[in-house]
Amino acid sequence: MSRTSLSLSVDDVSAFAKALGRQLAALERAPGHVELLNMVSRATGYRNFQHFRAQSEAASRLDVPKPAPAPVDYRKVKRLMRYFDAEGCFVRWPKKHSHQGLCLWVLWSRIPPRRVFSEREISELLQKEHLFGDYALLRRELFDRGLITRTPDGREYRRLERKPSPEAVELIGRIGA
């Protein structure tokens, strides 16, 4: 008989470890295989392993997408926050290409979606969002990186709807959209 692979996702690994530790401490002997499966299942919030397996199998039959944990480099996010002041204004243009792209996501998040802007309007919006006085650089970089689109004559600009990286999402949340 083949074994069904079940993946387990834990939101708070610390709470998981504490719950599992309490269950293990209550035992006087080493738990068996089934006991350990039940303990792990209870530590993640299920009644027992059968409950966990039933939920997993039902989700797979319904084609519920499994949320893949998106790793965030919090050290990088902390470094990127230096490019913004306390009010969330872009203070200086980063030297690193990778930092530039992530900082542009914050500006992208401040451009209203599904709206057409003239070149003047998009320039005014970008001018309000930074302190180093080069809105043309920001407009050009947003376009070059595929975050906004424009007509060939440059008269109309629109925000392109894209999914930011996990670091960009975290930065947008911390800086404030």
Protein backbone atom coordinates (compact mmCIF):
# COMPACT_ATOMS: atom_id res chain seq x y z
CA MET A 1 0.00 0.00 0.00
CA SER A 2 1.44 3.38 -0.97
CA ARG A 3 1.69 6.17 1.53
CA THR A 4 -0.01 9.51 0.94
CA SER A 5 2.33 12.42 1.48
CA LEU A 6 0.83 15.08 3.73
CA SER A 7 2.53 18.43 4.14
CA LEU A 8 2.28 20.36 7.37
CA SER A 9 2.54 24.11 7.69
CA VAL A 10 3.02 25.81 11.04
CA ASP A 11 2.29 29.53 11.45
CA ASP A 12 4.08 29.95 14.77
CA VAL A 13 6.92 27.48 15.25
CA SER A 14 7.52 28.68 18.81
CA ALA A 15 3.95 27.92 19.90
CA PHE A 16 4.19 24.60 18.07
CA ALA A 17 7.38 23.65 19.93
CA LYS A 18 5.91 24.66 23.30
CA ALA A 19 2.71 22.65 22.73
CA LEU A 20 4.67 19.62 21.57
CA GLY A 21 7.08 19.96 24.49
CA ARG A 22 4.22 20.04 27.03
CA GLN A 23 2.74 16.87 25.53
CA LEU A 24 6.09 15.08 25.56
CA ALA A 25 6.79 16.16 29.15
CA ALA A 26 3.48 14.65 30.27
CA LEU A 27 4.58 11.19 29.08
CA GLU A 28 6.70 8.90 31.24
CA ARG A 29 8.07 6.98 28.25
CA ALA A 30 9.01 7.69 24.65
CA PRO A 31 5.88 7.95 22.48
CA GLY A 32 5.14 5.46 19.74
CA HIS A 33 4.73 6.33 16.09
CA VAL A 34 0.95 6.93 16.19
CA GLU A 35 1.18 8.79 19.50
CA LEU A 36 3.82 11.10 18.05
CA LEU A 37 1.69 11.76 14.95
CA ASN A 38 -1.24 12.66 17.21
CA MET A 39 0.96 14.95 19.32
CA VAL A 40 2.29 16.80 16.28
CA SER A 41 -1.24 17.14 14.90
CA ARG A 42 -2.56 18.49 18.22
CA ALA A 43 0.35 20.94 18.47
CA THR A 44 -0.68 22.42 15.09
CA GLY A 45 -4.32 22.80 16.13
CA TYR A 46 -5.98 19.58 14.96
CA ARG A 47 -7.80 17.17 17.29
CA ASN A 48 -5.59 14.25 16.24
CA PHE A 49 -3.78 12.83 13.22
CA GLN A 50 -7.00 11.49 11.66
CA HIS A 51 -8.49 15.00 11.78
CA PHE A 52 -5.35 16.44 10.16
CA ARG A 53 -5.33 13.76 7.43
CA ALA A 54 -9.05 14.21 6.68
CA GLN A 55 -8.60 17.99 6.34
CA SER A 56 -5.56 17.57 4.07
CA GLU A 57 -7.25 15.04 1.83
CA ALA A 58 -10.40 17.17 1.56
CA ALA A 59 -8.33 20.22 0.65
CA SER A 60 -6.48 18.28 -2.05
CA ARG A 61 -9.76 16.96 -3.51
CA LEU A 62 -11.10 20.53 -3.64
CA ASP A 63 -7.87 21.74 -5.28
CA VAL A 64 -7.29 24.24 -2.49
CA PRO A 65 -3.88 25.73 -3.18
CA LYS A 66 -1.40 25.08 -0.42
CA PRO A 67 0.05 28.34 0.78
CA ALA A 68 3.75 28.08 0.20
CA PRO A 69 5.63 29.89 2.90
CA ALA A 70 7.32 32.87 1.32
CA PRO A 71 10.66 33.45 3.00
CA VAL A 72 11.39 37.09 3.70
CA ASP A 73 14.90 38.42 4.16
CA TYR A 74 14.18 40.71 7.10
CA ARG A 75 17.77 41.95 7.25
CA LYS A 76 17.41 43.22 3.71
CA VAL A 77 14.07 44.86 4.54
CA LYS A 78 15.69 46.58 7.52
CA ARG A 79 18.49 47.90 5.27
CA LEU A 80 15.96 49.09 2.69
CA MET A 81 14.04 51.05 5.30
CA ARG A 82 17.03 53.42 5.55
CA TYR A 83 16.08 54.84 2.15
CA PHE A 84 12.82 56.21 3.59
CA ASP A 85 12.20 58.80 6.29
CA ALA A 86 9.75 58.47 9.19
CA GLU A 87 6.88 59.73 7.00
CA GLY A 88 7.63 57.12 4.33
CA CYS A 89 9.20 59.55 1.85
CA PHE A 90 11.94 58.19 -0.43
CA VAL A 91 15.10 60.00 0.77
CA ARG A 92 17.88 58.88 -1.58
CA TRP A 93 18.40 56.69 -4.62
CA PRO A 94 20.09 53.37 -3.69
CA LYS A 95 23.37 52.42 -5.37
CA LYS A 96 22.59 48.70 -5.47
CA HIS A 97 20.42 47.61 -8.36
CA SER A 98 18.55 45.09 -6.20
CA HIS A 99 17.77 47.76 -3.60
CA GLN A 100 16.52 50.15 -6.28
CA GLY A 101 13.97 47.66 -7.55
CA LEU A 102 12.61 46.86 -4.12
CA CYS A 103 12.33 50.55 -3.18
CA LEU A 104 10.41 51.21 -6.41
CA TRP A 105 7.72 48.81 -5.24
CA VAL A 106 6.87 51.26 -2.45
CA LEU A 107 6.32 54.00 -5.05
CA TRP A 108 4.36 51.55 -7.21
CA SER A 109 2.03 50.86 -4.25
CA ARG A 110 1.24 54.58 -4.03
CA ILE A 111 0.14 54.89 -7.65
CA PRO A 112 -3.64 54.40 -7.81
CA PRO A 113 -4.56 51.31 -9.85
CA ARG A 114 -6.78 51.34 -12.96
CA ARG A 115 -6.23 55.04 -13.56
CA VAL A 116 -4.69 56.81 -16.53
CA PHE A 117 -2.16 59.55 -15.75
CA SER A 118 -0.71 62.19 -18.01
CA GLU A 119 3.07 62.59 -17.91
CA ARG A 120 2.61 65.69 -15.79
CA GLU A 121 0.30 63.92 -13.31
CA ILE A 122 2.60 60.94 -12.81
CA SER A 123 5.57 63.29 -12.42
CA GLU A 124 3.73 65.34 -9.77
CA LEU A 125 2.74 62.16 -7.91
CA LEU A 126 6.35 60.94 -7.91
CA GLN A 127 7.65 64.38 -6.92
CA LYS A 128 5.56 64.23 -3.73
CA GLU A 129 6.94 60.78 -2.83
CA HIS A 130 10.68 61.51 -2.79
CA LEU A 131 13.19 64.09 -1.54
CA PHE A 132 16.13 63.79 -3.95
CA GLY A 133 14.54 65.77 -6.79
CA ASP A 134 14.71 63.34 -9.72
CA TYR A 135 11.16 62.31 -10.57
CA ALA A 136 12.21 61.63 -14.18
CA LEU A 137 14.62 58.93 -12.95
CA LEU A 138 11.85 57.35 -10.89
CA ARG A 139 9.36 57.49 -13.76
CA ARG A 140 11.89 55.95 -16.17
CA GLU A 141 12.89 53.21 -13.70
CA LEU A 142 9.27 52.32 -12.94
CA PHE A 143 8.70 51.93 -16.68
CA ASP A 144 11.94 50.02 -17.36
CA ARG A 145 11.21 47.55 -14.57
CA GLY A 146 7.67 46.89 -15.80
CA LEU A 147 5.84 48.51 -12.89
CA ILE A 148 4.10 51.11 -15.03
CA THR A 149 3.31 51.31 -18.72
CA ARG A 150 3.05 54.26 -21.08
CA THR A 151 1.89 54.95 -24.58
CA PRO A 152 4.63 55.19 -27.24
CA ASP A 153 4.35 58.98 -27.25
CA GLY A 154 4.61 59.12 -23.42
CA ARG A 155 1.31 60.92 -22.94
CA GLU A 156 -0.48 58.31 -20.83
CA TYR A 157 0.83 56.27 -17.92
CA ARG A 158 -0.80 53.39 -16.04
CA ARG A 159 0.24 51.21 -13.14
CA LEU A 160 0.73 47.58 -14.13
CA GLU A 161 -0.77 45.10 -11.71
CA ARG A 162 1.94 42.69 -10.65
CA LYS A 163 2.65 40.65 -7.57
CA PRO A 164 5.51 42.07 -5.48
CA SER A 165 8.20 39.84 -4.02
CA PRO A 166 7.90 38.86 -0.33
CA GLU A 167 10.56 41.45 0.60
CA ALA A 168 8.70 44.14 -1.37
CA VAL A 169 5.41 43.25 0.36
CA GLU A 170 7.09 43.47 3.75
CA LEU A 171 8.75 46.80 2.86
CA ILE A 172 5.48 48.26 1.58
CA GLY A 173 3.77 47.19 4.80
CA ARG A 174 6.46 48.68 7.02
CA ILE A 175 6.86 51.95 5.12
CA GLY A 176 3.13 52.34 4.63
CA ALA A 177 1.32 52.41 1.33
